[in-house]
Protein backbone atom coordinates (compact mmCIF):
# COMPACT_ATOMS: atom_id res chain seq x y z
CA MET A 1 -31.71 -8.56 -3.50
CA GLN A 2 -28.20 -7.94 -4.94
CA PHE A 3 -28.84 -4.96 -7.22
CA PHE A 4 -30.73 -1.88 -6.84
CA SER A 5 -31.17 0.87 -9.48
CA ILE A 6 -31.16 4.63 -9.97
CA LEU A 7 -32.59 6.94 -12.65
CA TYR A 8 -30.41 9.41 -13.60
CA TYR A 9 -31.73 12.31 -15.52
CA ALA A 10 -29.28 14.36 -17.58
CA TRP A 11 -29.90 17.43 -19.66
CA ASN A 12 -27.50 17.78 -22.71
CA GLY A 13 -28.69 21.07 -23.98
CA THR A 14 -31.35 19.85 -26.28
CA SER A 15 -33.03 16.79 -24.66
CA VAL A 16 -33.18 14.76 -21.73
CA SER A 17 -31.31 11.37 -21.52
CA VAL A 18 -32.06 8.68 -18.91
CA LEU A 19 -29.25 6.64 -17.62
CA PHE A 20 -30.24 3.55 -15.95
CA VAL A 21 -27.75 2.38 -13.26
CA LEU A 22 -27.26 -0.82 -11.69
CA MET A 23 -25.44 -0.85 -8.72
CA SER A 24 -23.83 -3.79 -6.76
CA ILE A 25 -23.65 -4.42 -3.33
CA THR A 26 -20.17 -5.04 -2.14
CA LEU A 27 -19.34 -8.51 -0.72
CA LYS A 28 -17.58 -8.23 2.59
CA ASP A 29 -16.62 -10.66 5.02
CA SER A 30 -17.36 -10.39 9.01
CA TYR A 31 -14.41 -8.15 9.53
CA GLY A 32 -15.68 -5.63 7.01
CA ARG A 33 -13.15 -6.35 4.51
CA ALA A 34 -14.38 -5.74 0.95
CA ILE A 35 -13.85 -8.90 -1.33
CA ARG A 36 -12.85 -7.69 -4.70
CA ASP A 37 -10.38 -10.33 -6.06
CA LEU A 38 -11.40 -13.80 -7.24
CA ARG A 39 -8.76 -16.51 -7.91
CA VAL A 40 -10.06 -19.33 -10.21
CA SER A 41 -8.26 -22.37 -10.78
CA LEU A 42 -8.92 -23.96 -14.24
CA THR A 43 -7.08 -27.34 -13.28
CA ASP A 44 -4.96 -29.35 -10.87
CA ARG A 45 -2.65 -30.54 -13.56
CA CYS A 46 0.79 -29.18 -14.13
CA ASN A 47 3.73 -29.90 -16.65
CA PHE A 48 6.31 -28.73 -13.90
CA ARG A 49 7.27 -30.24 -10.62
CA CYS A 50 8.29 -27.37 -8.67
CA PHE A 51 9.62 -28.70 -5.34
CA TYR A 52 7.77 -26.10 -3.28
CA CYS A 53 4.69 -27.31 -4.66
CA LEU A 54 4.94 -30.94 -5.78
CA PRO A 55 8.09 -32.21 -4.44
CA HIS A 56 6.90 -35.92 -4.89
CA GLY A 57 6.10 -36.26 -8.34
CA GLU A 58 2.82 -36.78 -10.04
CA PRO A 59 -0.01 -35.67 -7.81
CA PRO A 60 -3.43 -37.42 -7.76
CA ILE A 61 -5.76 -36.04 -10.49
CA ALA A 62 -9.31 -35.02 -9.49
CA PRO A 63 -11.60 -37.18 -11.73
CA LYS A 64 -13.04 -34.85 -14.72
CA GLU A 65 -16.55 -35.04 -13.69
CA GLN A 66 -15.53 -33.26 -10.52
CA MET A 67 -14.04 -30.39 -12.39
CA LEU A 68 -16.34 -27.39 -13.01
CA SER A 69 -17.06 -27.15 -16.62
CA TYR A 70 -16.48 -23.86 -18.72
CA GLU A 71 -20.15 -22.98 -18.54
CA GLU A 72 -20.41 -23.51 -14.74
CA ILE A 73 -17.29 -21.16 -14.43
CA GLU A 74 -18.74 -18.44 -16.45
CA TYR A 75 -22.00 -18.73 -14.35
CA VAL A 76 -20.76 -18.62 -11.09
CA CYS A 77 -18.19 -15.83 -11.87
CA GLU A 78 -20.93 -13.90 -13.49
CA ILE A 79 -22.70 -14.03 -9.94
CA PHE A 80 -19.29 -13.27 -8.18
CA VAL A 81 -18.94 -9.97 -10.47
CA SER A 82 -22.68 -9.04 -9.72
CA LEU A 83 -21.69 -9.11 -6.15
CA GLY A 84 -18.59 -6.58 -6.55
CA ILE A 85 -15.98 -8.91 -7.58
CA GLN A 86 -13.68 -6.61 -9.83
CA LYS A 87 -10.57 -8.65 -10.70
CA ILE A 88 -10.53 -12.37 -11.92
CA ARG A 89 -7.39 -14.33 -12.01
CA LEU A 90 -6.98 -17.66 -13.80
CA THR A 91 -4.75 -20.04 -12.16
CA GLY A 92 -3.95 -23.85 -11.68
CA GLY A 93 -1.99 -26.02 -11.73
CA GLU A 94 -0.85 -24.76 -15.01
CA PRO A 95 -4.00 -23.18 -16.29
CA MET A 96 -2.88 -23.44 -20.01
CA MET A 97 -3.05 -27.29 -19.61
CA ARG A 98 -6.99 -26.94 -19.73
CA ARG A 99 -8.21 -27.69 -23.30
CA ASP A 100 -9.29 -24.43 -25.14
CA ILE A 101 -8.50 -22.03 -22.40
CA GLU A 102 -9.32 -19.23 -25.11
CA THR A 103 -12.79 -20.20 -24.77
CA ILE A 104 -13.12 -19.56 -21.10
CA ILE A 105 -11.10 -16.22 -21.27
CA GLN A 106 -13.53 -15.07 -24.08
CA LYS A 107 -16.47 -15.93 -21.93
CA LEU A 108 -15.27 -14.14 -18.88
CA SER A 109 -13.96 -11.14 -20.80
CA ARG A 110 -17.78 -10.38 -21.52
CA LEU A 111 -18.27 -9.48 -17.82
CA LYS A 112 -16.33 -6.43 -18.65
CA THR A 113 -18.93 -5.32 -21.41
CA PRO A 114 -21.54 -3.40 -19.43
CA ALA A 115 -19.24 -0.66 -18.07
CA MET A 116 -17.74 -0.40 -21.46
CA ALA A 117 -20.81 -0.01 -22.96
CA LEU A 118 -21.99 2.73 -20.91
CA SER A 119 -18.84 4.96 -21.46
CA ASP A 120 -20.56 7.29 -24.03
CA LYS A 121 -23.44 7.70 -21.71
CA LEU A 122 -21.08 8.28 -18.92
CA GLN A 123 -19.51 11.01 -20.68
CA LEU A 124 -22.97 12.50 -21.31
CA VAL A 125 -23.85 12.38 -17.82
CA ASP A 126 -20.35 13.92 -16.76
CA ASP A 127 -20.94 16.88 -19.34
CA ALA A 128 -24.71 17.22 -17.97
CA ARG A 129 -23.44 17.53 -14.48
CA LYS A 130 -21.61 20.77 -15.22
CA LYS A 131 -24.88 22.36 -16.62
CA THR A 132 -27.43 21.13 -13.89
CA ALA A 133 -27.52 22.38 -10.47
CA GLY A 134 -28.80 19.62 -8.56
CA PRO A 135 -26.79 17.22 -6.26
CA VAL A 136 -25.26 14.15 -8.16
CA ASN A 137 -24.03 10.90 -6.38
CA ASP A 138 -20.07 10.57 -6.85
CA LYS A 139 -19.88 7.13 -5.41
CA LEU A 140 -21.95 5.30 -8.45
CA LYS A 141 -20.39 2.06 -9.21
CA PHE A 142 -21.07 0.38 -12.34
CA ILE A 143 -21.08 -3.39 -12.54
CA GLY A 144 -18.43 -5.01 -14.49
CA LEU A 145 -15.20 -6.79 -14.37
CA ARG A 146 -12.26 -4.52 -14.33
CA ASP A 147 -9.36 -6.91 -14.97
CA LEU A 148 -8.95 -10.45 -16.23
CA ALA A 149 -5.57 -12.10 -15.51
CA LEU A 150 -3.75 -15.62 -15.72
CA THR A 151 -0.84 -16.67 -13.86
CA THR A 152 1.33 -19.39 -15.76
CA ASN A 153 4.87 -20.94 -15.89
CA GLY A 154 5.23 -19.46 -19.30
CA TYR A 155 5.73 -22.82 -21.25
CA PHE A 156 2.77 -22.52 -23.86
CA LEU A 157 3.09 -18.80 -24.36
CA PRO A 158 5.50 -18.84 -27.38
CA ASP A 159 2.81 -20.17 -29.43
CA ARG A 160 -0.47 -18.71 -27.64
CA ALA A 161 0.42 -15.47 -25.99
CA GLN A 162 -1.53 -13.84 -28.91
CA SER A 163 -4.47 -16.06 -28.88
CA LEU A 164 -5.10 -15.17 -25.11
CA LYS A 165 -4.70 -11.40 -26.15
CA ASP A 166 -7.30 -12.08 -28.88
CA ALA A 167 -9.62 -13.94 -26.45
CA GLY A 168 -9.72 -11.00 -24.23
CA LEU A 169 -6.97 -11.64 -21.49
CA ASP A 170 -5.87 -8.14 -19.77
CA ARG A 171 -2.45 -9.26 -18.53
CA ILE A 172 -0.35 -12.12 -17.29
CA THR A 173 1.77 -13.29 -14.52
CA ILE A 174 4.77 -15.57 -15.40
CA SER A 175 6.50 -17.74 -12.62
CA LEU A 176 10.35 -17.86 -13.03
CA ASP A 177 12.47 -18.99 -10.24
CA SER A 178 15.99 -18.79 -11.67
CA LEU A 179 17.87 -17.40 -14.59
CA LYS A 180 20.24 -20.27 -14.16
CA ARG A 181 19.65 -23.39 -16.32
CA ASP A 182 20.77 -25.88 -13.58
CA THR A 183 18.93 -24.09 -10.76
CA PHE A 184 15.81 -23.75 -12.84
CA LYS A 185 15.85 -27.45 -13.62
CA GLN A 186 16.41 -28.39 -9.94
CA MET A 187 13.53 -26.08 -8.77
CA THR A 188 11.05 -26.69 -11.37
CA GLY A 189 12.00 -30.43 -12.37
CA VAL A 190 11.89 -29.39 -16.06
CA ASP A 191 14.67 -28.32 -18.53
CA VAL A 192 12.86 -25.75 -20.23
CA LEU A 193 14.25 -22.11 -19.11
CA ASP A 194 14.94 -20.85 -22.61
CA ARG A 195 11.29 -21.58 -23.53
CA VAL A 196 9.80 -19.73 -20.58
CA LEU A 197 12.23 -16.68 -21.70
CA GLN A 198 10.65 -16.98 -25.10
CA GLY A 199 7.13 -17.15 -23.41
CA ILE A 200 7.99 -13.79 -21.68
CA ARG A 201 8.93 -12.19 -25.07
CA ALA A 202 5.89 -13.36 -26.68
CA ALA A 203 3.46 -11.95 -23.95
CA LYS A 204 5.47 -8.71 -24.15
CA GLN A 205 5.08 -8.70 -28.11
CA ALA A 206 1.09 -9.32 -27.55
CA GLY A 207 0.62 -6.41 -25.48
CA LEU A 208 -0.18 -8.57 -22.23
CA GLU A 209 1.10 -5.75 -19.94
CA PRO A 210 2.00 -4.86 -17.49
CA ILE A 211 3.94 -8.34 -17.24
CA LYS A 212 4.60 -9.61 -13.60
CA ILE A 213 7.37 -11.87 -12.97
CA ASN A 214 7.11 -14.07 -10.06
CA ALA A 215 9.94 -15.65 -8.14
CA VAL A 216 9.73 -17.85 -4.98
CA VAL A 217 12.88 -17.15 -2.96
CA VAL A 218 14.12 -20.35 -1.04
CA ARG A 219 17.31 -20.27 0.80
CA GLY A 220 20.20 -22.44 -0.36
CA HIS A 221 18.41 -22.31 -4.10
CA ASN A 222 18.22 -19.14 -5.54
CA GLU A 223 18.50 -16.25 -3.05
CA ASP A 224 21.84 -15.44 -4.79
CA GLU A 225 19.93 -14.29 -7.96
CA VAL A 226 17.57 -11.68 -6.83
CA ALA A 227 19.91 -8.95 -7.72
CA ASP A 228 20.19 -10.81 -11.27
CA PHE A 229 16.53 -10.82 -11.34
CA ALA A 230 16.31 -6.91 -10.73
CA ALA A 231 18.83 -6.42 -13.56
CA PHE A 232 16.22 -8.58 -15.48
CA ALA A 233 13.29 -6.28 -14.69
CA ARG A 234 15.34 -3.15 -15.63
CA GLU A 235 16.54 -4.67 -19.03
CA HIS A 236 13.08 -5.85 -19.93
CA ASP A 237 10.81 -3.46 -18.34
CA VAL A 238 8.81 -5.86 -16.31
CA LYS A 239 7.50 -5.90 -12.78
CA MET A 240 9.63 -8.47 -10.80
CA ARG A 241 8.04 -9.96 -7.63
CA PHE A 242 9.75 -11.84 -4.93
CA ILE A 243 7.64 -14.04 -2.83
CA GLU A 244 8.50 -15.76 0.43
CA PHE A 245 8.59 -19.34 0.65
CA MET A 246 5.35 -20.42 2.15
CA PRO A 247 4.15 -23.99 3.75
CA LEU A 248 2.27 -25.00 0.75
CA ASP A 249 4.25 -28.06 -0.62
CA SER A 250 2.52 -31.28 -0.93
CA GLY A 251 5.15 -33.22 1.18
CA HIS A 252 5.00 -30.78 4.07
CA ASP A 253 8.71 -30.24 4.10
CA TRP A 254 8.54 -26.54 4.76
CA SER A 255 10.90 -25.03 6.92
CA ARG A 256 11.26 -21.56 8.33
CA ASP A 257 15.19 -21.88 7.93
CA ASP A 258 14.40 -21.94 4.25
CA VAL A 259 12.61 -18.59 4.17
CA VAL A 260 14.34 -15.47 2.86
CA SER A 261 12.84 -12.51 4.45
CA GLY A 262 11.43 -9.91 2.21
CA ARG A 263 13.82 -7.47 4.12
CA GLU A 264 16.81 -9.47 3.11
CA ILE A 265 15.39 -9.66 -0.44
CA GLN A 266 15.28 -5.92 -0.63
CA GLU A 267 18.56 -5.51 0.72
CA ARG A 268 20.21 -7.89 -1.29
CA ILE A 269 18.88 -5.88 -4.49
CA SER A 270 19.60 -2.24 -2.99
CA GLU A 271 23.27 -3.07 -2.78
CA LYS A 272 23.52 -3.34 -6.45
CA PHE A 273 20.27 -1.25 -7.37
CA PRO A 274 19.08 1.25 -4.86
CA LEU A 275 15.57 1.32 -4.42
CA THR A 276 12.92 3.93 -3.75
CA PRO A 277 9.40 3.06 -2.47
CA ILE A 278 6.29 3.83 -4.68
CA ASP A 279 4.12 6.18 -2.86
CA VAL A 280 0.90 4.59 -3.43
CA ALA A 281 -1.61 3.33 -1.01
CA ARG A 282 -1.01 -0.25 -0.64
CA GLY A 283 -4.74 -1.15 -0.08
CA SER A 284 -5.33 -4.78 -0.74
CA GLU A 285 -2.39 -5.30 -2.73
CA THR A 286 0.12 -8.21 -1.70
CA SER A 287 3.50 -6.54 -2.68
CA SER A 288 5.43 -3.49 -1.29
CA ARG A 289 6.29 -1.53 -4.44
CA TYR A 290 9.51 -0.19 -5.49
CA ARG A 291 11.15 1.56 -8.34
CA PHE A 292 14.76 2.14 -9.24
CA ALA A 293 16.29 5.00 -7.62
CA ASP A 294 18.40 5.94 -10.91
CA GLY A 295 14.93 5.88 -12.83
CA ALA A 296 15.64 2.87 -14.79
CA PRO A 297 12.50 1.04 -16.08
CA GLY A 298 10.86 -1.91 -14.43
CA GLU A 299 9.69 -2.52 -10.94
CA ILE A 300 10.13 -4.52 -7.82
CA GLY A 301 7.70 -5.94 -5.76
CA ILE A 302 8.16 -8.12 -2.38
CA ILE A 303 5.50 -10.40 -1.07
CA ALA A 304 6.22 -11.26 2.57
CA PRO A 305 3.32 -13.13 3.93
CA VAL A 306 5.37 -15.06 6.44
CA THR A 307 7.52 -12.27 7.88
CA GLU A 308 5.32 -9.29 7.15
CA PRO A 309 1.25 -10.56 6.96
CA PHE A 310 -0.91 -8.35 5.05
CA CYS A 311 -4.08 -10.22 5.96
CA GLY A 312 -5.89 -7.12 7.59
CA ALA A 313 -6.54 -5.90 4.10
CA CYS A 314 -7.10 -9.17 2.28
CA SER A 315 -9.63 -8.84 -0.58
CA ARG A 316 -9.36 -12.24 -1.97
CA ILE A 317 -11.16 -15.50 -2.22
CA ARG A 318 -10.50 -18.70 -4.17
CA LEU A 319 -12.42 -21.10 -6.25
CA THR A 320 -10.56 -24.52 -6.88
CA ALA A 321 -10.97 -26.28 -10.18
CA ASP A 322 -13.17 -28.68 -8.74
CA GLY A 323 -15.52 -25.95 -7.50
CA GLN A 324 -14.54 -25.38 -3.65
CA ILE A 325 -14.35 -22.03 -2.13
CA ARG A 326 -11.52 -21.25 -0.29
CA THR A 327 -11.57 -18.11 2.22
CA CYS A 328 -7.83 -17.99 2.62
CA LEU A 329 -4.86 -19.41 0.83
CA PHE A 330 -4.25 -21.44 4.04
CA SER A 331 -7.72 -22.35 4.77
CA THR A 332 -8.09 -25.90 6.22
CA VAL A 333 -11.88 -25.93 5.52
CA GLU A 334 -13.46 -25.97 1.74
CA HIS A 335 -17.15 -25.00 0.98
CA SER A 336 -18.67 -26.75 -2.19
CA LEU A 337 -19.90 -24.24 -4.43
CA ARG A 338 -20.14 -26.96 -7.30
CA ASP A 339 -22.47 -29.23 -5.15
CA THR A 340 -24.82 -26.34 -4.58
CA VAL A 341 -24.79 -25.36 -8.32
CA ARG A 342 -24.99 -29.17 -9.31
CA ALA A 343 -27.95 -29.60 -6.81
CA GLY A 344 -29.94 -27.10 -8.73
CA ALA A 345 -29.82 -24.36 -6.42
CA THR A 346 -31.65 -20.97 -7.53
CA ARG A 347 -29.49 -17.71 -8.37
CA SER A 348 -30.54 -16.15 -5.15
CA GLU A 349 -29.70 -19.50 -3.12
CA ILE A 350 -26.13 -19.55 -4.72
CA VAL A 351 -25.71 -15.73 -3.77
CA GLU A 352 -26.78 -16.56 -0.20
CA PHE A 353 -24.36 -19.46 -0.22
CA ILE A 354 -21.51 -17.22 -1.38
CA GLU A 355 -22.35 -14.53 1.22
CA SER A 356 -22.41 -17.13 3.94
CA VAL A 357 -19.12 -18.54 3.06
CA VAL A 358 -17.34 -14.93 2.64
CA MET A 359 -18.44 -14.17 6.19
CA LYS A 360 -16.55 -17.17 7.39
CA LYS A 361 -13.22 -15.80 5.97
CA GLU A 362 -10.57 -16.01 8.38
CA PRO A 363 -9.13 -12.86 10.38
CA ARG A 364 -5.68 -13.92 9.33
CA HIS A 365 -3.58 -16.82 8.51
CA TYR A 366 -1.79 -18.54 11.36
CA ILE A 367 1.85 -19.54 9.99
CA ASN A 368 3.49 -17.94 12.73
CA GLU A 369 1.54 -19.49 15.50
CA PRO A 370 2.32 -22.86 17.20
CA GLN A 371 -1.17 -24.11 16.40
CA PHE A 372 -0.82 -23.57 12.42
CA VAL A 373 -1.78 -26.52 10.48
CA ALA A 374 -0.63 -26.46 6.88
CA PRO A 375 -3.28 -27.00 4.09
CA SER A 376 -3.99 -30.51 3.13
CA ARG A 377 -3.78 -29.84 -0.36
CA SER A 378 -0.77 -28.15 -2.21
CA MET A 379 -0.61 -25.12 -4.02
CA SER A 380 -1.23 -27.02 -7.59
CA PHE A 381 -4.72 -27.94 -5.95
CA ILE A 382 -5.51 -24.83 -4.15
CA GLY A 383 -4.88 -22.52 -7.34
CA GLY A 384 -2.38 -19.64 -6.82
């Protein structure tokens, strides 16, 4: 059983209200890590050709029949949420290349409904608790998705940011590796910097906030721009996140010499804009977060999986566009949820499959070990 129920009786002064609460069992791996975040890739197609992802041009595209349908994505995501997933991030490839993406956003946004629908009753219980002497369980967890986000290269946002928001998307992360036109073109393979900047403005206008901007920092390409990006964060009040270059390129040309460490990134920014660490528990967050010491708007995040691994608190699991569960970004083994679903498995059998796969989640990645083997699939297939 994945759920158990509690009947909570609350006296509001004139009558007794009964609150029926469904509680979910937390999905955990063999190391006791709670799995709360699900990355769902909608497509392996992309209209950019970033050299750190697709250095050799057009990749082989998975046949359409191998891709999960929107109905299948909705079904398995509902099961994941029932098992304790609180955040879903839609990725790619470029997820907005999937036709009618607003349709799946609308479907998934409904997974947030139960908690919202109970808000009035929760207030009633909260008020009643002050009038009752009996013990109350303070650890009730209500089923429902808390956050629905999207990672995109920003190309389609000028025309569709508002429709994403209207469909139920909460927030957005936009990839932006350079503020210089020539460098942007060299890193992404396309000459569309102005359109991406328009997309950021459109996302802000649509209220898809907080907006996060991701930049992969690669030595010899854009490390001289980190302070410029910090200035961009201050000017536009966005969360600027810098990511160490990881071995996820399809050509397997990654070299440690190309990695700009998180420490170096922080030092380069602090030379121009002193930073102050944000005093919050990092938990399962991927980034170390900083605010500007002078109180300027915006935020800096540094994601350093190569030089400062954070695997010990990892809460993530991934579902590829063709329905494979990946327990780590660097997994060399995949588990076909698609085949399980299409074989006619019952809901309880799908739950058992998911739980068994999660128990196989790796303790950490092995980038810094001699035996490290890069994933056979590039980031465009895995999903960011």
